[in-house]
All heavy atoms as atom14 arrays in JSON, in Angstrom:
{
  "sequence": "STDTDNITIDGPGRIECDRAQRGGPKPIALRRVRNIHLNGFTIDQ",
  "atom14_mask": [
    [1, 1, 1, 1, 1, 1, 0, 0, 0, 0, 0, 0, 0, 0],
    [1, 1, 1, 1, 1, 1, 1, 0, 0, 0, 0, 0, 0, 0],
    [1, 1, 1, 1, 1, 1, 1, 1, 0, 0, 0, 0, 0, 0],
    [1, 1, 1, 1, 1, 1, 1, 0, 0, 0, 0, 0, 0, 0],
    [1, 1, 1, 1, 1, 1, 1, 1, 0, 0, 0, 0, 0, 0],
    [1, 1, 1, 1, 1, 1, 1, 1, 0, 0, 0, 0, 0, 0],
    [1, 1, 1, 1, 1, 1, 1, 1, 0, 0, 0, 0, 0, 0],
    [1, 1, 1, 1, 1, 1, 1, 0, 0, 0, 0, 0, 0, 0],
    [1, 1, 1, 1, 1, 1, 1, 1, 0, 0, 0, 0, 0, 0],
    [1, 1, 1, 1, 1, 1, 1, 1, 0, 0, 0, 0, 0, 0],
    [1, 1, 1, 1, 0, 0, 0, 0, 0, 0, 0, 0, 0, 0],
    [1, 1, 1, 1, 1, 1, 1, 0, 0, 0, 0, 0, 0, 0],
    [1, 1, 1, 1, 0, 0, 0, 0, 0, 0, 0, 0, 0, 0],
    [1, 1, 1, 1, 1, 1, 1, 1, 1, 1, 1, 0, 0, 0],
    [1, 1, 1, 1, 1, 1, 1, 1, 0, 0, 0, 0, 0, 0],
    [1, 1, 1, 1, 1, 1, 1, 1, 1, 0, 0, 0, 0, 0],
    [1, 1, 1, 1, 1, 1, 0, 0, 0, 0, 0, 0, 0, 0],
    [1, 1, 1, 1, 1, 1, 1, 1, 0, 0, 0, 0, 0, 0],
    [1, 1, 1, 1, 1, 1, 1, 1, 1, 1, 1, 0, 0, 0],
    [1, 1, 1, 1, 1, 0, 0, 0, 0, 0, 0, 0, 0, 0],
    [1, 1, 1, 1, 1, 1, 1, 1, 1, 0, 0, 0, 0, 0],
    [1, 1, 1, 1, 1, 1, 1, 1, 1, 1, 1, 0, 0, 0],
    [1, 1, 1, 1, 0, 0, 0, 0, 0, 0, 0, 0, 0, 0],
    [1, 1, 1, 1, 0, 0, 0, 0, 0, 0, 0, 0, 0, 0],
    [1, 1, 1, 1, 1, 1, 1, 0, 0, 0, 0, 0, 0, 0],
    [1, 1, 1, 1, 1, 1, 1, 1, 1, 0, 0, 0, 0, 0],
    [1, 1, 1, 1, 1, 1, 1, 0, 0, 0, 0, 0, 0, 0],
    [1, 1, 1, 1, 1, 1, 1, 1, 0, 0, 0, 0, 0, 0],
    [1, 1, 1, 1, 1, 0, 0, 0, 0, 0, 0, 0, 0, 0],
    [1, 1, 1, 1, 1, 1, 1, 1, 0, 0, 0, 0, 0, 0],
    [1, 1, 1, 1, 1, 1, 1, 1, 1, 1, 1, 0, 0, 0],
    [1, 1, 1, 1, 1, 1, 1, 1, 1, 1, 1, 0, 0, 0],
    [1, 1, 1, 1, 1, 1, 1, 0, 0, 0, 0, 0, 0, 0],
    [1, 1, 1, 1, 1, 1, 1, 1, 1, 1, 1, 0, 0, 0],
    [1, 1, 1, 1, 1, 1, 1, 1, 0, 0, 0, 0, 0, 0],
    [1, 1, 1, 1, 1, 1, 1, 1, 0, 0, 0, 0, 0, 0],
    [1, 1, 1, 1, 1, 1, 1, 1, 1, 1, 0, 0, 0, 0],
    [1, 1, 1, 1, 1, 1, 1, 1, 0, 0, 0, 0, 0, 0],
    [1, 1, 1, 1, 1, 1, 1, 1, 0, 0, 0, 0, 0, 0],
    [1, 1, 1, 1, 0, 0, 0, 0, 0, 0, 0, 0, 0, 0],
    [1, 1, 1, 1, 1, 1, 1, 1, 1, 1, 1, 0, 0, 0],
    [1, 1, 1, 1, 1, 1, 1, 0, 0, 0, 0, 0, 0, 0],
    [1, 1, 1, 1, 1, 1, 1, 1, 0, 0, 0, 0, 0, 0],
    [1, 1, 1, 1, 1, 1, 1, 1, 0, 0, 0, 0, 0, 0],
    [1, 1, 1, 1, 1, 1, 1, 1, 1, 0, 0, 0, 0, 0]
  ],
  "atom14_positions": [
    [[0.88, -1.22, -0.03], [0.01, -0.01, 0.0], [0.91, 1.26, 0.0], [1.98, 1.24, 0.61], [-0.93, 0.0, 1.22], [-1.92, 1.02, 1.12], [0.0, 0.0, 0.0], [0.0, 0.0, 0.0], [0.0, 0.0, 0.0], [0.0, 0.0, 0.0], [0.0, 0.0, 0.0], [0.0, 0.0, 0.0], [0.0, 0.0, 0.0], [0.0, 0.0, 0.0]],
    [[0.44, 2.26, -0.72], [1.16, 3.49, -0.72], [0.21, 4.71, -0.79], [-0.82, 4.64, -1.41], [2.11, 3.57, -1.98], [2.92, 4.67, -1.9], [1.34, 3.59, -3.27], [0.0, 0.0, 0.0], [0.0, 0.0, 0.0], [0.0, 0.0, 0.0], [0.0, 0.0, 0.0], [0.0, 0.0, 0.0], [0.0, 0.0, 0.0], [0.0, 0.0, 0.0]],
    [[0.54, 5.75, -0.02], [-0.2, 7.0, -0.03], [-1.68, 6.75, 0.35], [-2.62, 7.22, -0.34], [-0.08, 7.7, -1.31], [1.35, 8.15, -1.64], [1.9, 8.83, -0.82], [1.85, 7.68, -2.69], [0.0, 0.0, 0.0], [0.0, 0.0, 0.0], [0.0, 0.0, 0.0], [0.0, 0.0, 0.0], [0.0, 0.0, 0.0], [0.0, 0.0, 0.0]],
    [[-1.92, 6.0, 1.39], [-3.26, 5.62, 1.86], [-3.45, 5.91, 3.32], [-2.49, 6.24, 4.05], [-3.57, 4.16, 1.55], [-2.54, 3.37, 2.22], [-3.51, 3.82, 0.1], [0.0, 0.0, 0.0], [0.0, 0.0, 0.0], [0.0, 0.0, 0.0], [0.0, 0.0, 0.0], [0.0, 0.0, 0.0], [0.0, 0.0, 0.0], [0.0, 0.0, 0.0]],
    [[-4.73, 5.75, 3.72], [-5.07, 5.86, 5.17], [-5.77, 4.58, 5.62], [-6.54, 3.97, 4.82], [-6.0, 7.06, 5.43], [-5.3, 8.38, 5.11], [-4.09, 8.5, 5.33], [-6.02, 9.31, 4.65], [0.0, 0.0, 0.0], [0.0, 0.0, 0.0], [0.0, 0.0, 0.0], [0.0, 0.0, 0.0], [0.0, 0.0, 0.0], [0.0, 0.0, 0.0]],
    [[-5.66, 4.27, 6.9], [-6.51, 3.23, 7.53], [-6.31, 1.86, 6.91], [-7.17, 1.36, 6.22], [-7.96, 3.64, 7.5], [-8.23, 5.06, 7.99], [-7.55, 5.44, 8.98], [-9.12, 5.75, 7.43], [0.0, 0.0, 0.0], [0.0, 0.0, 0.0], [0.0, 0.0, 0.0], [0.0, 0.0, 0.0], [0.0, 0.0, 0.0], [0.0, 0.0, 0.0]],
    [[-5.16, 1.29, 7.14], [-4.85, -0.08, 6.64], [-4.82, -0.99, 7.83], [-4.04, -0.82, 8.8], [-3.53, -0.15, 5.89], [-3.6, 0.8, 4.67], [-3.17, -1.53, 5.5], [-4.65, 0.44, 3.6], [0.0, 0.0, 0.0], [0.0, 0.0, 0.0], [0.0, 0.0, 0.0], [0.0, 0.0, 0.0], [0.0, 0.0, 0.0], [0.0, 0.0, 0.0]],
    [[-5.63, -2.07, 7.83], [-5.66, -3.04, 8.89], [-5.52, -4.47, 8.34], [-6.12, -4.78, 7.34], [-6.99, -2.96, 9.66], [-7.11, -1.67, 10.27], [-7.03, -4.0, 10.8], [0.0, 0.0, 0.0], [0.0, 0.0, 0.0], [0.0, 0.0, 0.0], [0.0, 0.0, 0.0], [0.0, 0.0, 0.0], [0.0, 0.0, 0.0], [0.0, 0.0, 0.0]],
    [[-4.65, -5.26, 8.95], [-4.48, -6.65, 8.73], [-4.54, -7.35, 10.06], [-3.71, -7.04, 10.91], [-3.23, -7.01, 7.97], [-3.05, -6.14, 6.69], [-3.11, -8.48, 7.62], [-1.69, -6.25, 6.04], [0.0, 0.0, 0.0], [0.0, 0.0, 0.0], [0.0, 0.0, 0.0], [0.0, 0.0, 0.0], [0.0, 0.0, 0.0], [0.0, 0.0, 0.0]],
    [[-5.51, -8.27, 10.22], [-5.64, -8.87, 11.55], [-6.24, -10.26, 11.45], [-6.69, -10.67, 10.38], [-6.36, -7.95, 12.54], [-7.79, -7.68, 12.13], [-8.31, -8.33, 11.23], [-8.41, -6.78, 12.77], [0.0, 0.0, 0.0], [0.0, 0.0, 0.0], [0.0, 0.0, 0.0], [0.0, 0.0, 0.0], [0.0, 0.0, 0.0], [0.0, 0.0, 0.0]],
    [[-6.33, -10.92, 12.65], [-6.94, -12.21, 12.66], [-5.91, -13.36, 12.83], [-4.75, -13.1, 12.59], [0.0, 0.0, 0.0], [0.0, 0.0, 0.0], [0.0, 0.0, 0.0], [0.0, 0.0, 0.0], [0.0, 0.0, 0.0], [0.0, 0.0, 0.0], [0.0, 0.0, 0.0], [0.0, 0.0, 0.0], [0.0, 0.0, 0.0], [0.0, 0.0, 0.0]],
    [[-6.32, -14.51, 13.22], [-5.43, -15.6, 13.65], [-4.93, -16.45, 12.47], [-4.68, -17.62, 12.64], [-6.28, -16.43, 14.58], [-7.65, -16.27, 14.04], [-7.75, -14.87, 13.47], [0.0, 0.0, 0.0], [0.0, 0.0, 0.0], [0.0, 0.0, 0.0], [0.0, 0.0, 0.0], [0.0, 0.0, 0.0], [0.0, 0.0, 0.0], [0.0, 0.0, 0.0]],
    [[-4.76, -15.87, 11.26], [-4.29, -16.62, 10.11], [-2.8, -16.54, 9.92], [-2.03, -16.15, 10.81], [0.0, 0.0, 0.0], [0.0, 0.0, 0.0], [0.0, 0.0, 0.0], [0.0, 0.0, 0.0], [0.0, 0.0, 0.0], [0.0, 0.0, 0.0], [0.0, 0.0, 0.0], [0.0, 0.0, 0.0], [0.0, 0.0, 0.0], [0.0, 0.0, 0.0]],
    [[-2.36, -16.97, 8.69], [-1.02, -17.09, 8.42], [-0.65, -16.46, 7.03], [-1.46, -16.69, 6.12], [-0.5, -18.59, 8.44], [-0.6, -19.25, 9.77], [-0.32, -20.72, 9.66], [1.02, -21.05, 9.12], [2.14, -21.06, 9.82], [2.03, -20.87, 11.17], [3.21, -21.38, 9.27], [0.0, 0.0, 0.0], [0.0, 0.0, 0.0], [0.0, 0.0, 0.0]],
    [[0.51, -15.95, 6.91], [1.12, -15.63, 5.61], [2.29, -16.57, 5.44], [3.25, -16.56, 6.23], [1.58, -14.18, 5.53], [0.43, -13.2, 5.64], [2.36, -13.96, 4.23], [0.8, -11.75, 5.72], [0.0, 0.0, 0.0], [0.0, 0.0, 0.0], [0.0, 0.0, 0.0], [0.0, 0.0, 0.0], [0.0, 0.0, 0.0], [0.0, 0.0, 0.0]],
    [[2.16, -17.5, 4.49], [3.15, -18.53, 4.34], [3.94, -18.16, 3.03], [3.36, -18.05, 1.92], [2.56, -19.91, 4.17], [2.0, -20.44, 5.49], [1.6, -21.85, 5.45], [1.6, -22.45, 4.33], [1.23, -22.39, 6.53], [0.0, 0.0, 0.0], [0.0, 0.0, 0.0], [0.0, 0.0, 0.0], [0.0, 0.0, 0.0], [0.0, 0.0, 0.0]],
    [[5.23, -17.9, 3.16], [6.02, -17.46, 2.02], [6.62, -18.63, 1.27], [6.95, -18.48, 0.08], [7.12, -16.49, 2.53], [6.44, -15.11, 3.46], [0.0, 0.0, 0.0], [0.0, 0.0, 0.0], [0.0, 0.0, 0.0], [0.0, 0.0, 0.0], [0.0, 0.0, 0.0], [0.0, 0.0, 0.0], [0.0, 0.0, 0.0], [0.0, 0.0, 0.0]],
    [[6.86, -19.76, 1.93], [7.26, -20.99, 1.32], [8.52, -20.77, 0.47], [8.55, -21.18, -0.66], [6.13, -21.55, 0.42], [6.33, -23.06, 0.16], [7.01, -23.65, 0.87], [5.74, -23.51, -0.88], [0.0, 0.0, 0.0], [0.0, 0.0, 0.0], [0.0, 0.0, 0.0], [0.0, 0.0, 0.0], [0.0, 0.0, 0.0], [0.0, 0.0, 0.0]],
    [[9.51, -20.03, 1.05], [10.73, -19.76, 0.33], [11.88, -20.52, 1.06], [11.81, -20.76, 2.3], [11.01, -18.28, 0.26], [9.97, -17.49, -0.48], [9.95, -17.88, -1.91], [8.91, -17.15, -2.68], [9.14, -16.16, -3.57], [10.4, -15.8, -3.78], [8.18, -15.59, -4.24], [0.0, 0.0, 0.0], [0.0, 0.0, 0.0], [0.0, 0.0, 0.0]],
    [[12.99, -20.76, 0.33], [14.09, -21.54, 0.89], [15.29, -20.7, 1.15], [16.28, -21.17, 1.69], [14.44, -22.72, -0.04], [0.0, 0.0, 0.0], [0.0, 0.0, 0.0], [0.0, 0.0, 0.0], [0.0, 0.0, 0.0], [0.0, 0.0, 0.0], [0.0, 0.0, 0.0], [0.0, 0.0, 0.0], [0.0, 0.0, 0.0], [0.0, 0.0, 0.0]],
    [[15.25, -19.36, 0.68], [16.42, -18.53, 0.89], [16.0, -17.1, 0.83], [14.85, -16.76, 0.47], [17.45, -18.79, -0.18], [17.0, -18.57, -1.62], [18.03, -18.96, -2.65], [19.07, -19.43, -2.33], [17.74, -18.64, -3.93], [0.0, 0.0, 0.0], [0.0, 0.0, 0.0], [0.0, 0.0, 0.0], [0.0, 0.0, 0.0], [0.0, 0.0, 0.0]],
    [[16.93, -16.2, 1.11], [16.68, -14.81, 1.06], [16.62, -14.26, -0.36], [17.28, -14.71, -1.24], [17.83, -14.06, 1.85], [17.58, -12.57, 2.0], [18.56, -12.02, 3.02], [18.39, -10.59, 3.25], [18.84, -9.96, 4.35], [19.58, -10.64, 5.2], [18.64, -8.68, 4.51], [0.0, 0.0, 0.0], [0.0, 0.0, 0.0], [0.0, 0.0, 0.0]],
    [[15.71, -13.26, -0.53], [15.57, -12.63, -1.83], [14.16, -12.86, -2.38], [13.71, -13.95, -2.48], [0.0, 0.0, 0.0], [0.0, 0.0, 0.0], [0.0, 0.0, 0.0], [0.0, 0.0, 0.0], [0.0, 0.0, 0.0], [0.0, 0.0, 0.0], [0.0, 0.0, 0.0], [0.0, 0.0, 0.0], [0.0, 0.0, 0.0], [0.0, 0.0, 0.0]],
    [[13.51, -11.76, -2.8], [12.16, -11.85, -3.31], [11.24, -10.82, -2.73], [11.68, -9.82, -2.12], [0.0, 0.0, 0.0], [0.0, 0.0, 0.0], [0.0, 0.0, 0.0], [0.0, 0.0, 0.0], [0.0, 0.0, 0.0], [0.0, 0.0, 0.0], [0.0, 0.0, 0.0], [0.0, 0.0, 0.0], [0.0, 0.0, 0.0], [0.0, 0.0, 0.0]],
    [[10.0, -11.05, -2.83], [8.96, -10.02, -2.37], [8.95, -9.91, -0.81], [9.23, -10.88, -0.1], [7.61, -10.53, -2.86], [8.0, -11.61, -3.9], [9.29, -12.17, -3.48], [0.0, 0.0, 0.0], [0.0, 0.0, 0.0], [0.0, 0.0, 0.0], [0.0, 0.0, 0.0], [0.0, 0.0, 0.0], [0.0, 0.0, 0.0], [0.0, 0.0, 0.0]],
    [[8.57, -8.73, -0.41], [8.31, -8.54, 1.02], [6.9, -8.99, 1.31], [5.98, -8.74, 0.52], [8.43, -7.01, 1.41], [9.82, -6.44, 1.24], [9.84, -4.96, 1.57], [11.27, -4.39, 1.56], [11.25, -2.93, 1.78], [0.0, 0.0, 0.0], [0.0, 0.0, 0.0], [0.0, 0.0, 0.0], [0.0, 0.0, 0.0], [0.0, 0.0, 0.0]],
    [[6.64, -9.65, 2.4], [5.27, -10.05, 2.73], [4.37, -8.82, 2.93], [3.22, -8.8, 2.43], [5.42, -10.84, 4.02], [6.77, -11.43, 3.96], [7.63, -10.37, 3.23], [0.0, 0.0, 0.0], [0.0, 0.0, 0.0], [0.0, 0.0, 0.0], [0.0, 0.0, 0.0], [0.0, 0.0, 0.0], [0.0, 0.0, 0.0], [0.0, 0.0, 0.0]],
    [[4.81, -7.81, 3.67], [4.02, -6.6, 3.89], [4.94, -5.42, 3.72], [5.99, -5.26, 4.39], [3.47, -6.61, 5.32], [2.44, -7.75, 5.52], [2.68, -5.26, 5.6], [1.95, -7.88, 6.93], [0.0, 0.0, 0.0], [0.0, 0.0, 0.0], [0.0, 0.0, 0.0], [0.0, 0.0, 0.0], [0.0, 0.0, 0.0], [0.0, 0.0, 0.0]],
    [[4.55, -4.53, 2.78], [5.34, -3.31, 2.52], [4.37, -2.14, 2.43], [3.52, -2.11, 1.53], [6.11, -3.47, 1.22], [0.0, 0.0, 0.0], [0.0, 0.0, 0.0], [0.0, 0.0, 0.0], [0.0, 0.0, 0.0], [0.0, 0.0, 0.0], [0.0, 0.0, 0.0], [0.0, 0.0, 0.0], [0.0, 0.0, 0.0], [0.0, 0.0, 0.0]],
    [[4.51, -1.15, 3.31], [3.64, 0.03, 3.34], [4.48, 1.28, 3.24], [5.42, 1.48, 4.01], [2.81, -0.01, 4.65], [2.09, -1.3, 5.01], [1.35, -1.19, 6.29], [1.08, -1.66, 3.88], [0.0, 0.0, 0.0], [0.0, 0.0, 0.0], [0.0, 0.0, 0.0], [0.0, 0.0, 0.0], [0.0, 0.0, 0.0], [0.0, 0.0, 0.0]],
    [[4.06, 2.17, 2.38], [4.78, 3.39, 2.08], [3.9, 4.58, 2.19], [2.86, 4.67, 1.54], [5.44, 3.34, 0.69], [6.3, 4.51, 0.29], [6.89, 4.28, -1.08], [5.96, 4.14, -2.12], [6.2, 3.57, -3.32], [7.38, 3.06, -3.59], [5.2, 3.5, -4.23], [0.0, 0.0, 0.0], [0.0, 0.0, 0.0], [0.0, 0.0, 0.0]],
    [[4.29, 5.54, 3.06], [3.45, 6.75, 3.26], [1.98, 6.39, 3.61], [1.08, 6.86, 2.91], [3.56, 7.66, 2.06], [4.96, 8.23, 1.78], [4.95, 9.3, 0.73], [4.53, 8.79, -0.54], [5.33, 8.35, -1.46], [6.66, 8.25, -1.28], [4.84, 7.89, -2.64], [0.0, 0.0, 0.0], [0.0, 0.0, 0.0], [0.0, 0.0, 0.0]],
    [[1.83, 5.64, 4.66], [0.51, 5.22, 5.03], [0.2, 5.74, 6.41], [1.1, 5.72, 7.29], [0.34, 3.68, 5.03], [-1.0, 3.29, 5.54], [0.55, 3.16, 3.61], [0.0, 0.0, 0.0], [0.0, 0.0, 0.0], [0.0, 0.0, 0.0], [0.0, 0.0, 0.0], [0.0, 0.0, 0.0], [0.0, 0.0, 0.0], [0.0, 0.0, 0.0]],
    [[-1.01, 6.24, 6.72], [-1.37, 6.74, 8.01], [-2.43, 5.83, 8.58], [-3.36, 5.38, 7.96], [-1.95, 8.18, 7.92], [-0.94, 9.21, 7.41], [-1.47, 10.59, 7.6], [-2.83, 10.72, 7.0], [-3.58, 11.8, 7.14], [-3.12, 12.83, 7.83], [-4.8, 11.93, 6.56], [0.0, 0.0, 0.0], [0.0, 0.0, 0.0], [0.0, 0.0, 0.0]],
    [[-2.25, 5.53, 9.89], [-3.17, 4.72, 10.68], [-3.12, 3.25, 10.22], [-3.96, 2.82, 9.48], [-4.59, 5.3, 10.62], [-5.46, 4.77, 11.66], [-5.06, 4.25, 12.72], [-6.81, 4.78, 11.43], [0.0, 0.0, 0.0], [0.0, 0.0, 0.0], [0.0, 0.0, 0.0], [0.0, 0.0, 0.0], [0.0, 0.0, 0.0], [0.0, 0.0, 0.0]],
    [[-2.18, 2.57, 10.81], [-1.94, 1.17, 10.42], [-2.16, 0.28, 11.64], [-1.67, 0.58, 12.78], [-0.47, 0.96, 9.93], [-0.24, 1.79, 8.71], [-0.13, -0.49, 9.67], [1.28, 1.93, 8.33], [0.0, 0.0, 0.0], [0.0, 0.0, 0.0], [0.0, 0.0, 0.0], [0.0, 0.0, 0.0], [0.0, 0.0, 0.0], [0.0, 0.0, 0.0]],
    [[-2.85, -0.86, 11.42], [-2.98, -1.86, 12.49], [-2.67, -3.25, 11.94], [-3.31, -3.73, 11.01], [-4.49, -1.83, 13.0], [-4.91, -0.57, 13.69], [-4.66, -0.35, 15.0], [-5.37, 0.53, 13.15], [-5.12, 0.88, 15.33], [-5.56, 1.46, 14.21], [0.0, 0.0, 0.0], [0.0, 0.0, 0.0], [0.0, 0.0, 0.0], [0.0, 0.0, 0.0]],
    [[-1.63, -3.84, 12.52], [-1.24, -5.18, 12.07], [-1.28, -6.04, 13.35], [-0.43, -5.83, 14.26], [0.2, -5.15, 11.51], [0.44, -4.2, 10.31], [1.91, -4.27, 9.91], [-0.49, -4.55, 9.16], [0.0, 0.0, 0.0], [0.0, 0.0, 0.0], [0.0, 0.0, 0.0], [0.0, 0.0, 0.0], [0.0, 0.0, 0.0], [0.0, 0.0, 0.0]],
    [[-2.14, -6.98, 13.45], [-2.38, -7.68, 14.74], [-2.77, -9.1, 14.57], [-3.67, -9.48, 13.8], [-3.51, -6.97, 15.48], [-3.21, -5.49, 15.8], [-3.71, -4.64, 15.1], [-2.44, -5.22, 16.78], [0.0, 0.0, 0.0], [0.0, 0.0, 0.0], [0.0, 0.0, 0.0], [0.0, 0.0, 0.0], [0.0, 0.0, 0.0], [0.0, 0.0, 0.0]],
    [[-2.03, -9.98, 15.3], [-2.56, -11.32, 15.58], [-2.21, -12.41, 14.63], [-2.73, -13.54, 14.84], [0.0, 0.0, 0.0], [0.0, 0.0, 0.0], [0.0, 0.0, 0.0], [0.0, 0.0, 0.0], [0.0, 0.0, 0.0], [0.0, 0.0, 0.0], [0.0, 0.0, 0.0], [0.0, 0.0, 0.0], [0.0, 0.0, 0.0], [0.0, 0.0, 0.0]],
    [[-1.48, -12.21, 13.58], [-1.26, -13.31, 12.61], [0.24, -13.68, 12.58], [1.07, -13.14, 13.24], [-1.76, -12.84, 11.2], [-1.14, -11.54, 10.72], [0.04, -11.54, 9.96], [-1.71, -10.33, 11.05], [0.57, -10.32, 9.53], [-1.21, -9.12, 10.6], [-0.05, -9.13, 9.81], [0.0, 0.0, 0.0], [0.0, 0.0, 0.0], [0.0, 0.0, 0.0]],
    [[0.51, -14.73, 11.75], [1.86, -15.28, 11.6], [2.4, -15.02, 10.18], [1.63, -15.06, 9.21], [1.81, -16.85, 11.89], [1.48, -17.07, 13.23], [3.14, -17.47, 11.57], [0.0, 0.0, 0.0], [0.0, 0.0, 0.0], [0.0, 0.0, 0.0], [0.0, 0.0, 0.0], [0.0, 0.0, 0.0], [0.0, 0.0, 0.0], [0.0, 0.0, 0.0]],
    [[3.68, -14.71, 10.12], [4.44, -14.67, 8.85], [5.56, -15.67, 8.93], [6.41, -15.59, 9.75], [4.94, -13.29, 8.58], [3.87, -12.24, 8.62], [5.68, -13.27, 7.22], [4.33, -10.79, 8.44], [0.0, 0.0, 0.0], [0.0, 0.0, 0.0], [0.0, 0.0, 0.0], [0.0, 0.0, 0.0], [0.0, 0.0, 0.0], [0.0, 0.0, 0.0]],
    [[5.57, -16.65, 7.98], [6.49, -17.71, 8.05], [7.41, -17.72, 6.83], [6.95, -17.56, 5.7], [5.82, -19.09, 8.17], [6.81, -20.24, 8.33], [7.63, -20.17, 9.19], [6.75, -21.17, 7.53], [0.0, 0.0, 0.0], [0.0, 0.0, 0.0], [0.0, 0.0, 0.0], [0.0, 0.0, 0.0], [0.0, 0.0, 0.0], [0.0, 0.0, 0.0]],
    [[8.76, -17.85, 7.03], [9.74, -17.98, 5.96], [9.79, -16.75, 5.06], [9.86, -16.93, 3.78], [9.56, -19.29, 5.16], [9.94, -20.51, 5.98], [9.92, -21.74, 5.1], [8.91, -22.1, 4.48], [11.05, -22.46, 5.06], [0.0, 0.0, 0.0], [0.0, 0.0, 0.0], [0.0, 0.0, 0.0], [0.0, 0.0, 0.0], [0.0, 0.0, 0.0]]
  ]
}
């Protein structure tokens, strides 16, 4: 997300990246965002 307001990601789920090494996309990347809530989930690999 970029140049936005009010971004929320929450709940008891998972982001599974399923990667074996460093390099590639970021799971969560926010640029110039106001009012962010990231709560309660898992990010793996």
